[in-house]
ModelCIF file with pLDDT and N, C-alpha, C, O atoms, coordinates in Angstrom:
data_MODEL
#
_entry.id   MODEL 
#
_entity.id                         1 
_entity.type                       polymer 
_entity.pdbx_number_of_molecules   1 
#
_entity_poly.entity_id                      1 
_entity_poly.type                           'polypeptide(L)' 
_entity_poly.nstd_linkage                   no 
_entity_poly.nstd_monomer                   no 
_entity_poly.pdbx_seq_one_letter_code       AIVDSTVSFLDWSVNEQCIEFEECDLFAPFIEAGKPVF 
_entity_poly.pdbx_seq_one_letter_code_can   AIVDSTVSFLDWSVNEQCIEFEECDLFAPFIEAGKPVF 
_entity_poly.pdbx_strand_id                 A 
#
loop_
_entity_poly_seq.entity_id 
_entity_poly_seq.num 
_entity_poly_seq.mon_id 
_entity_poly_seq.hetero 
1 1  ALA n 
1 2  ILE n 
1 3  VAL n 
1 4  ASP n 
1 5  SER n 
1 6  THR n 
1 7  VAL n 
1 8  SER n 
1 9  PHE n 
1 10 LEU n 
1 11 ASP n 
1 12 TRP n 
1 13 SER n 
1 14 VAL n 
1 15 ASN n 
1 16 GLU n 
1 17 GLN n 
1 18 CYS n 
1 19 ILE n 
1 20 GLU n 
1 21 PHE n 
1 22 GLU n 
1 23 GLU n 
1 24 CYS n 
1 25 ASP n 
1 26 LEU n 
1 27 PHE n 
1 28 ALA n 
1 29 PRO n 
1 30 PHE n 
1 31 ILE n 
1 32 GLU n 
1 33 ALA n 
1 34 GLY n 
1 35 LYS n 
1 36 PRO n 
1 37 VAL n 
1 38 PHE n 
#
_struct_asym.id          A 
_struct_asym.entity_id   1 
#
loop_
_ma_qa_metric.id 
_ma_qa_metric.mode 
_ma_qa_metric.name 
_ma_qa_metric.software_group_id 
_ma_qa_metric.type 
1 global pLDDT . pLDDT 
2 local  pLDDT . pLDDT 
#
_ma_qa_metric_global.metric_id      1 
_ma_qa_metric_global.metric_value   97.97 
_ma_qa_metric_global.model_id       1 
_ma_qa_metric_global.ordinal_id     1 
#
loop_
_ma_qa_metric_local.label_asym_id 
_ma_qa_metric_local.label_comp_id 
_ma_qa_metric_local.label_seq_id 
_ma_qa_metric_local.metric_id 
_ma_qa_metric_local.metric_value 
_ma_qa_metric_local.model_id 
_ma_qa_metric_local.ordinal_id 
A ALA 1  2 98.00 1 1  
A ILE 2  2 98.00 1 2  
A VAL 3  2 98.00 1 3  
A ASP 4  2 98.00 1 4  
A SER 5  2 98.00 1 5  
A THR 6  2 98.00 1 6  
A VAL 7  2 98.00 1 7  
A SER 8  2 98.00 1 8  
A PHE 9  2 98.00 1 9  
A LEU 10 2 98.00 1 10 
A ASP 11 2 98.00 1 11 
A TRP 12 2 98.00 1 12 
A SER 13 2 98.00 1 13 
A VAL 14 2 98.00 1 14 
A ASN 15 2 98.00 1 15 
A GLU 16 2 98.00 1 16 
A GLN 17 2 98.00 1 17 
A CYS 18 2 98.00 1 18 
A ILE 19 2 98.00 1 19 
A GLU 20 2 98.00 1 20 
A PHE 21 2 97.00 1 21 
A GLU 22 2 98.00 1 22 
A GLU 23 2 98.00 1 23 
A CYS 24 2 98.00 1 24 
A ASP 25 2 98.00 1 25 
A LEU 26 2 98.00 1 26 
A PHE 27 2 98.00 1 27 
A ALA 28 2 98.00 1 28 
A PRO 29 2 98.00 1 29 
A PHE 30 2 98.00 1 30 
A ILE 31 2 98.00 1 31 
A GLU 32 2 98.00 1 32 
A ALA 33 2 98.00 1 33 
A GLY 34 2 98.00 1 34 
A LYS 35 2 98.00 1 35 
A PRO 36 2 98.00 1 36 
A VAL 37 2 98.00 1 37 
A PHE 38 2 98.00 1 38 
#
loop_
_atom_site.group_PDB 
_atom_site.id 
_atom_site.type_symbol 
_atom_site.label_atom_id 
_atom_site.label_alt_id 
_atom_site.label_comp_id 
_atom_site.label_asym_id 
_atom_site.label_entity_id 
_atom_site.label_seq_id 
_atom_site.pdbx_PDB_ins_code 
_atom_site.Cartn_x 
_atom_site.Cartn_y 
_atom_site.Cartn_z 
_atom_site.occupancy 
_atom_site.B_iso_or_equiv 
_atom_site.pdbx_formal_charge 
_atom_site.auth_seq_id 
_atom_site.auth_comp_id 
_atom_site.auth_asym_id 
_atom_site.auth_atom_id 
_atom_site.pdbx_PDB_model_num 
ATOM 1   N N  . ALA A 1 1  ? 83.473  106.324 124.765 1.00 98.00 ? 1  ALA A N  1 
ATOM 2   C CA . ALA A 1 1  ? 82.965  107.329 125.691 1.00 98.00 ? 1  ALA A CA 1 
ATOM 3   C C  . ALA A 1 1  ? 83.673  107.089 126.706 1.00 98.00 ? 1  ALA A C  1 
ATOM 4   O O  . ALA A 1 1  ? 84.175  108.148 127.084 1.00 98.00 ? 1  ALA A O  1 
ATOM 5   N N  . ILE A 1 2  ? 84.102  105.856 127.624 1.00 98.00 ? 2  ILE A N  1 
ATOM 6   C CA . ILE A 1 2  ? 84.672  105.899 129.004 1.00 98.00 ? 2  ILE A CA 1 
ATOM 7   C C  . ILE A 1 2  ? 86.361  105.518 128.721 1.00 98.00 ? 2  ILE A C  1 
ATOM 8   O O  . ILE A 1 2  ? 87.076  104.890 129.502 1.00 98.00 ? 2  ILE A O  1 
ATOM 9   N N  . VAL A 1 3  ? 86.717  106.011 127.558 1.00 98.00 ? 3  VAL A N  1 
ATOM 10  C CA . VAL A 1 3  ? 88.158  105.644 127.457 1.00 98.00 ? 3  VAL A CA 1 
ATOM 11  C C  . VAL A 1 3  ? 88.999  106.564 128.250 1.00 98.00 ? 3  VAL A C  1 
ATOM 12  O O  . VAL A 1 3  ? 90.066  106.139 128.694 1.00 98.00 ? 3  VAL A O  1 
ATOM 13  N N  . ASP A 1 4  ? 88.570  107.971 128.509 1.00 98.00 ? 4  ASP A N  1 
ATOM 14  C CA . ASP A 1 4  ? 89.148  108.806 129.373 1.00 98.00 ? 4  ASP A CA 1 
ATOM 15  C C  . ASP A 1 4  ? 89.164  108.367 131.000 1.00 98.00 ? 4  ASP A C  1 
ATOM 16  O O  . ASP A 1 4  ? 90.182  108.497 131.679 1.00 98.00 ? 4  ASP A O  1 
ATOM 17  N N  . SER A 1 5  ? 88.073  107.903 131.463 1.00 98.00 ? 5  SER A N  1 
ATOM 18  C CA . SER A 1 5  ? 87.812  107.152 132.449 1.00 98.00 ? 5  SER A CA 1 
ATOM 19  C C  . SER A 1 5  ? 88.355  105.903 132.770 1.00 98.00 ? 5  SER A C  1 
ATOM 20  O O  . SER A 1 5  ? 88.376  105.581 133.958 1.00 98.00 ? 5  SER A O  1 
ATOM 21  N N  . THR A 1 6  ? 88.760  105.208 131.994 1.00 98.00 ? 6  THR A N  1 
ATOM 22  C CA . THR A 1 6  ? 89.241  103.804 132.065 1.00 98.00 ? 6  THR A CA 1 
ATOM 23  C C  . THR A 1 6  ? 90.789  103.527 131.779 1.00 98.00 ? 6  THR A C  1 
ATOM 24  O O  . THR A 1 6  ? 91.375  102.491 132.095 1.00 98.00 ? 6  THR A O  1 
ATOM 25  N N  . VAL A 1 7  ? 91.247  104.421 131.250 1.00 98.00 ? 7  VAL A N  1 
ATOM 26  C CA . VAL A 1 7  ? 92.708  104.245 130.779 1.00 98.00 ? 7  VAL A CA 1 
ATOM 27  C C  . VAL A 1 7  ? 94.045  103.967 131.864 1.00 98.00 ? 7  VAL A C  1 
ATOM 28  O O  . VAL A 1 7  ? 94.998  103.195 131.759 1.00 98.00 ? 7  VAL A O  1 
ATOM 29  N N  . SER A 1 8  ? 93.759  104.715 132.685 1.00 98.00 ? 8  SER A N  1 
ATOM 30  C CA . SER A 1 8  ? 94.225  104.653 133.938 1.00 98.00 ? 8  SER A CA 1 
ATOM 31  C C  . SER A 1 8  ? 94.495  103.081 134.477 1.00 98.00 ? 8  SER A C  1 
ATOM 32  O O  . SER A 1 8  ? 95.655  102.743 134.711 1.00 98.00 ? 8  SER A O  1 
ATOM 33  N N  . PHE A 1 9  ? 93.527  102.250 134.641 1.00 98.00 ? 9  PHE A N  1 
ATOM 34  C CA . PHE A 1 9  ? 93.429  100.913 135.452 1.00 98.00 ? 9  PHE A CA 1 
ATOM 35  C C  . PHE A 1 9  ? 93.485  99.945  134.327 1.00 98.00 ? 9  PHE A C  1 
ATOM 36  O O  . PHE A 1 9  ? 93.942  98.849  134.652 1.00 98.00 ? 9  PHE A O  1 
ATOM 37  N N  . LEU A 1 10 ? 93.136  100.076 133.090 1.00 98.00 ? 10 LEU A N  1 
ATOM 38  C CA . LEU A 1 10 ? 93.016  99.002  131.879 1.00 98.00 ? 10 LEU A CA 1 
ATOM 39  C C  . LEU A 1 10 ? 94.174  98.787  131.371 1.00 98.00 ? 10 LEU A C  1 
ATOM 40  O O  . LEU A 1 10 ? 95.012  99.624  131.707 1.00 98.00 ? 10 LEU A O  1 
ATOM 41  N N  . ASP A 1 11 ? 94.605  97.804  130.541 1.00 98.00 ? 11 ASP A N  1 
ATOM 42  C CA . ASP A 1 11 ? 95.789  97.524  130.297 1.00 98.00 ? 11 ASP A CA 1 
ATOM 43  C C  . ASP A 1 11 ? 95.902  97.684  128.624 1.00 98.00 ? 11 ASP A C  1 
ATOM 44  O O  . ASP A 1 11 ? 97.043  97.574  128.175 1.00 98.00 ? 11 ASP A O  1 
ATOM 45  N N  . TRP A 1 12 ? 94.948  97.902  127.783 1.00 98.00 ? 12 TRP A N  1 
ATOM 46  C CA . TRP A 1 12 ? 94.739  98.287  126.576 1.00 98.00 ? 12 TRP A CA 1 
ATOM 47  C C  . TRP A 1 12 ? 93.367  98.261  125.900 1.00 98.00 ? 12 TRP A C  1 
ATOM 48  O O  . TRP A 1 12 ? 92.440  97.809  126.573 1.00 98.00 ? 12 TRP A O  1 
ATOM 49  N N  . SER A 1 13 ? 93.112  98.695  124.633 1.00 98.00 ? 13 SER A N  1 
ATOM 50  C CA . SER A 1 13 ? 91.775  98.724  124.294 1.00 98.00 ? 13 SER A CA 1 
ATOM 51  C C  . SER A 1 13 ? 91.552  97.793  123.062 1.00 98.00 ? 13 SER A C  1 
ATOM 52  O O  . SER A 1 13 ? 92.282  97.924  122.080 1.00 98.00 ? 13 SER A O  1 
ATOM 53  N N  . VAL A 1 14 ? 90.762  97.045  123.083 1.00 98.00 ? 14 VAL A N  1 
ATOM 54  C CA . VAL A 1 14 ? 90.325  96.187  121.608 1.00 98.00 ? 14 VAL A CA 1 
ATOM 55  C C  . VAL A 1 14 ? 89.421  97.161  121.157 1.00 98.00 ? 14 VAL A C  1 
ATOM 56  O O  . VAL A 1 14 ? 88.572  97.484  121.988 1.00 98.00 ? 14 VAL A O  1 
ATOM 57  N N  . ASN A 1 15 ? 89.359  97.903  119.695 1.00 98.00 ? 15 ASN A N  1 
ATOM 58  C CA . ASN A 1 15 ? 88.276  98.560  119.115 1.00 98.00 ? 15 ASN A CA 1 
ATOM 59  C C  . ASN A 1 15 ? 87.961  98.001  117.781 1.00 98.00 ? 15 ASN A C  1 
ATOM 60  O O  . ASN A 1 15 ? 88.859  97.533  117.082 1.00 98.00 ? 15 ASN A O  1 
ATOM 61  N N  . GLU A 1 16 ? 86.742  98.029  117.403 1.00 98.00 ? 16 GLU A N  1 
ATOM 62  C CA . GLU A 1 16 ? 86.342  97.601  116.241 1.00 98.00 ? 16 GLU A CA 1 
ATOM 63  C C  . GLU A 1 16 ? 85.977  98.715  115.526 1.00 98.00 ? 16 GLU A C  1 
ATOM 64  O O  . GLU A 1 16 ? 85.415  99.653  116.092 1.00 98.00 ? 16 GLU A O  1 
ATOM 65  N N  . GLN A 1 17 ? 86.284  98.732  114.077 1.00 98.00 ? 17 GLN A N  1 
ATOM 66  C CA . GLN A 1 17 ? 85.564  99.901  113.329 1.00 98.00 ? 17 GLN A CA 1 
ATOM 67  C C  . GLN A 1 17 ? 85.730  101.166 113.282 1.00 98.00 ? 17 GLN A C  1 
ATOM 68  O O  . GLN A 1 17 ? 84.968  101.878 112.627 1.00 98.00 ? 17 GLN A O  1 
ATOM 69  N N  . CYS A 1 18 ? 86.866  101.696 114.043 1.00 98.00 ? 18 CYS A N  1 
ATOM 70  C CA . CYS A 1 18 ? 87.018  103.141 114.140 1.00 98.00 ? 18 CYS A CA 1 
ATOM 71  C C  . CYS A 1 18 ? 86.972  103.997 113.174 1.00 98.00 ? 18 CYS A C  1 
ATOM 72  O O  . CYS A 1 18 ? 86.427  105.100 113.167 1.00 98.00 ? 18 CYS A O  1 
ATOM 73  N N  . ILE A 1 19 ? 87.749  103.298 112.081 1.00 98.00 ? 19 ILE A N  1 
ATOM 74  C CA . ILE A 1 19 ? 87.789  103.850 110.904 1.00 98.00 ? 19 ILE A CA 1 
ATOM 75  C C  . ILE A 1 19 ? 86.602  103.997 110.424 1.00 98.00 ? 19 ILE A C  1 
ATOM 76  O O  . ILE A 1 19 ? 86.103  105.119 110.332 1.00 98.00 ? 19 ILE A O  1 
ATOM 77  N N  . GLU A 1 20 ? 85.925  102.824 110.020 1.00 98.00 ? 20 GLU A N  1 
ATOM 78  C CA . GLU A 1 20 ? 84.264  103.303 109.627 1.00 98.00 ? 20 GLU A CA 1 
ATOM 79  C C  . GLU A 1 20 ? 83.283  104.112 110.132 1.00 98.00 ? 20 GLU A C  1 
ATOM 80  O O  . GLU A 1 20 ? 82.328  104.591 109.520 1.00 98.00 ? 20 GLU A O  1 
ATOM 81  N N  . PHE A 1 21 ? 83.608  104.249 111.412 1.00 97.00 ? 21 PHE A N  1 
ATOM 82  C CA . PHE A 1 21 ? 82.798  105.075 112.014 1.00 97.00 ? 21 PHE A CA 1 
ATOM 83  C C  . PHE A 1 21 ? 83.604  106.574 112.689 1.00 97.00 ? 21 PHE A C  1 
ATOM 84  O O  . PHE A 1 21 ? 83.127  107.296 113.565 1.00 97.00 ? 21 PHE A O  1 
ATOM 85  N N  . GLU A 1 22 ? 84.845  106.743 112.032 1.00 98.00 ? 22 GLU A N  1 
ATOM 86  C CA . GLU A 1 22 ? 85.520  108.093 112.004 1.00 98.00 ? 22 GLU A CA 1 
ATOM 87  C C  . GLU A 1 22 ? 85.694  108.342 113.611 1.00 98.00 ? 22 GLU A C  1 
ATOM 88  O O  . GLU A 1 22 ? 85.400  109.465 114.020 1.00 98.00 ? 22 GLU A O  1 
ATOM 89  N N  . GLU A 1 23 ? 86.152  107.366 114.547 1.00 98.00 ? 23 GLU A N  1 
ATOM 90  C CA . GLU A 1 23 ? 86.339  107.758 116.001 1.00 98.00 ? 23 GLU A CA 1 
ATOM 91  C C  . GLU A 1 23 ? 87.581  107.376 116.506 1.00 98.00 ? 23 GLU A C  1 
ATOM 92  O O  . GLU A 1 23 ? 87.577  107.223 117.728 1.00 98.00 ? 23 GLU A O  1 
ATOM 93  N N  . CYS A 1 24 ? 88.858  107.134 115.828 1.00 98.00 ? 24 CYS A N  1 
ATOM 94  C CA . CYS A 1 24 ? 89.680  106.554 116.299 1.00 98.00 ? 24 CYS A CA 1 
ATOM 95  C C  . CYS A 1 24 ? 90.300  107.490 116.992 1.00 98.00 ? 24 CYS A C  1 
ATOM 96  O O  . CYS A 1 24 ? 91.142  106.994 117.740 1.00 98.00 ? 24 CYS A O  1 
ATOM 97  N N  . ASP A 1 25 ? 90.230  108.657 117.054 1.00 98.00 ? 25 ASP A N  1 
ATOM 98  C CA . ASP A 1 25 ? 90.979  109.638 118.053 1.00 98.00 ? 25 ASP A CA 1 
ATOM 99  C C  . ASP A 1 25 ? 90.568  109.180 119.373 1.00 98.00 ? 25 ASP A C  1 
ATOM 100 O O  . ASP A 1 25 ? 91.416  109.110 120.263 1.00 98.00 ? 25 ASP A O  1 
ATOM 101 N N  . LEU A 1 26 ? 89.203  108.821 119.622 1.00 98.00 ? 26 LEU A N  1 
ATOM 102 C CA . LEU A 1 26 ? 88.824  108.416 120.785 1.00 98.00 ? 26 LEU A CA 1 
ATOM 103 C C  . LEU A 1 26 ? 89.649  107.627 121.648 1.00 98.00 ? 26 LEU A C  1 
ATOM 104 O O  . LEU A 1 26 ? 89.475  107.651 122.867 1.00 98.00 ? 26 LEU A O  1 
ATOM 105 N N  . PHE A 1 27 ? 90.536  106.927 121.107 1.00 98.00 ? 27 PHE A N  1 
ATOM 106 C CA . PHE A 1 27 ? 91.282  105.622 121.738 1.00 98.00 ? 27 PHE A CA 1 
ATOM 107 C C  . PHE A 1 27 ? 92.882  105.943 121.718 1.00 98.00 ? 27 PHE A C  1 
ATOM 108 O O  . PHE A 1 27 ? 93.777  105.238 122.186 1.00 98.00 ? 27 PHE A O  1 
ATOM 109 N N  . ALA A 1 28 ? 92.996  107.158 121.071 1.00 98.00 ? 28 ALA A N  1 
ATOM 110 C CA . ALA A 1 28 ? 94.595  107.417 121.105 1.00 98.00 ? 28 ALA A CA 1 
ATOM 111 C C  . ALA A 1 28 ? 95.307  107.745 122.650 1.00 98.00 ? 28 ALA A C  1 
ATOM 112 O O  . ALA A 1 28 ? 96.517  107.734 122.880 1.00 98.00 ? 28 ALA A O  1 
ATOM 113 N N  . PRO A 1 29 ? 94.101  108.069 123.731 1.00 98.00 ? 29 PRO A N  1 
ATOM 114 C CA . PRO A 1 29 ? 94.847  107.925 124.858 1.00 98.00 ? 29 PRO A CA 1 
ATOM 115 C C  . PRO A 1 29 ? 95.698  106.643 125.658 1.00 98.00 ? 29 PRO A C  1 
ATOM 116 O O  . PRO A 1 29 ? 96.547  106.744 126.544 1.00 98.00 ? 29 PRO A O  1 
ATOM 117 N N  . PHE A 1 30 ? 95.202  105.540 125.076 1.00 98.00 ? 30 PHE A N  1 
ATOM 118 C CA . PHE A 1 30 ? 95.982  104.371 125.308 1.00 98.00 ? 30 PHE A CA 1 
ATOM 119 C C  . PHE A 1 30 ? 97.288  104.533 124.777 1.00 98.00 ? 30 PHE A C  1 
ATOM 120 O O  . PHE A 1 30 ? 98.247  104.424 125.542 1.00 98.00 ? 30 PHE A O  1 
ATOM 121 N N  . ILE A 1 31 ? 97.499  104.831 123.305 1.00 98.00 ? 31 ILE A N  1 
ATOM 122 C CA . ILE A 1 31 ? 98.507  104.678 122.790 1.00 98.00 ? 31 ILE A CA 1 
ATOM 123 C C  . ILE A 1 31 ? 99.598  105.647 123.780 1.00 98.00 ? 31 ILE A C  1 
ATOM 124 O O  . ILE A 1 31 ? 100.749 105.380 124.127 1.00 98.00 ? 31 ILE A O  1 
ATOM 125 N N  . GLU A 1 32 ? 98.568  107.126 124.143 1.00 98.00 ? 32 GLU A N  1 
ATOM 126 C CA . GLU A 1 32 ? 99.584  107.926 125.053 1.00 98.00 ? 32 GLU A CA 1 
ATOM 127 C C  . GLU A 1 32 ? 100.348 107.642 126.171 1.00 98.00 ? 32 GLU A C  1 
ATOM 128 O O  . GLU A 1 32 ? 101.328 108.260 126.585 1.00 98.00 ? 32 GLU A O  1 
ATOM 129 N N  . ALA A 1 33 ? 99.724  106.478 126.707 1.00 98.00 ? 33 ALA A N  1 
ATOM 130 C CA . ALA A 1 33 ? 99.807  105.653 128.078 1.00 98.00 ? 33 ALA A CA 1 
ATOM 131 C C  . ALA A 1 33 ? 100.715 105.067 127.713 1.00 98.00 ? 33 ALA A C  1 
ATOM 132 O O  . ALA A 1 33 ? 101.502 104.846 128.634 1.00 98.00 ? 33 ALA A O  1 
ATOM 133 N N  . GLY A 1 34 ? 101.112 104.560 126.473 1.00 98.00 ? 34 GLY A N  1 
ATOM 134 C CA . GLY A 1 34 ? 102.062 103.347 126.376 1.00 98.00 ? 34 GLY A CA 1 
ATOM 135 C C  . GLY A 1 34 ? 101.235 101.869 126.354 1.00 98.00 ? 34 GLY A C  1 
ATOM 136 O O  . GLY A 1 34 ? 101.880 100.820 126.355 1.00 98.00 ? 34 GLY A O  1 
ATOM 137 N N  . LYS A 1 35 ? 99.792  101.871 126.334 1.00 98.00 ? 35 LYS A N  1 
ATOM 138 C CA . LYS A 1 35 ? 99.301  101.092 126.077 1.00 98.00 ? 35 LYS A CA 1 
ATOM 139 C C  . LYS A 1 35 ? 98.666  100.472 124.402 1.00 98.00 ? 35 LYS A C  1 
ATOM 140 O O  . LYS A 1 35 ? 98.449  101.273 123.493 1.00 98.00 ? 35 LYS A O  1 
ATOM 141 N N  . PRO A 1 36 ? 98.495  99.332  124.279 1.00 98.00 ? 36 PRO A N  1 
ATOM 142 C CA . PRO A 1 36 ? 98.103  99.130  123.061 1.00 98.00 ? 36 PRO A CA 1 
ATOM 143 C C  . PRO A 1 36 ? 96.600  99.101  122.685 1.00 98.00 ? 36 PRO A C  1 
ATOM 144 O O  . PRO A 1 36 ? 95.717  98.453  123.247 1.00 98.00 ? 36 PRO A O  1 
ATOM 145 N N  . VAL A 1 37 ? 96.485  99.934  121.621 1.00 98.00 ? 37 VAL A N  1 
ATOM 146 C CA . VAL A 1 37 ? 95.023  99.523  120.970 1.00 98.00 ? 37 VAL A CA 1 
ATOM 147 C C  . VAL A 1 37 ? 95.007  98.785  119.900 1.00 98.00 ? 37 VAL A C  1 
ATOM 148 O O  . VAL A 1 37 ? 95.474  99.228  118.850 1.00 98.00 ? 37 VAL A O  1 
ATOM 149 N N  . PHE A 1 38 ? 94.384  97.343  119.993 1.00 98.00 ? 38 PHE A N  1 
ATOM 150 C CA . PHE A 1 38 ? 94.187  96.144  119.114 1.00 98.00 ? 38 PHE A CA 1 
ATOM 151 C C  . PHE A 1 38 ? 92.984  96.566  118.436 1.00 98.00 ? 38 PHE A C  1 
ATOM 152 O O  . PHE A 1 38 ? 92.464  95.837  117.591 1.00 98.00 ? 38 PHE A O  1 
#
């Protein structure tokens, strides 16, 4: 829920289970910013 508010100053996202919970699109802004989604 806070990806859009933090992607500018954090260096990556670590995500667990976004496939299971059907929410992977939420973390795409990190990829779009050239930052990893682990």
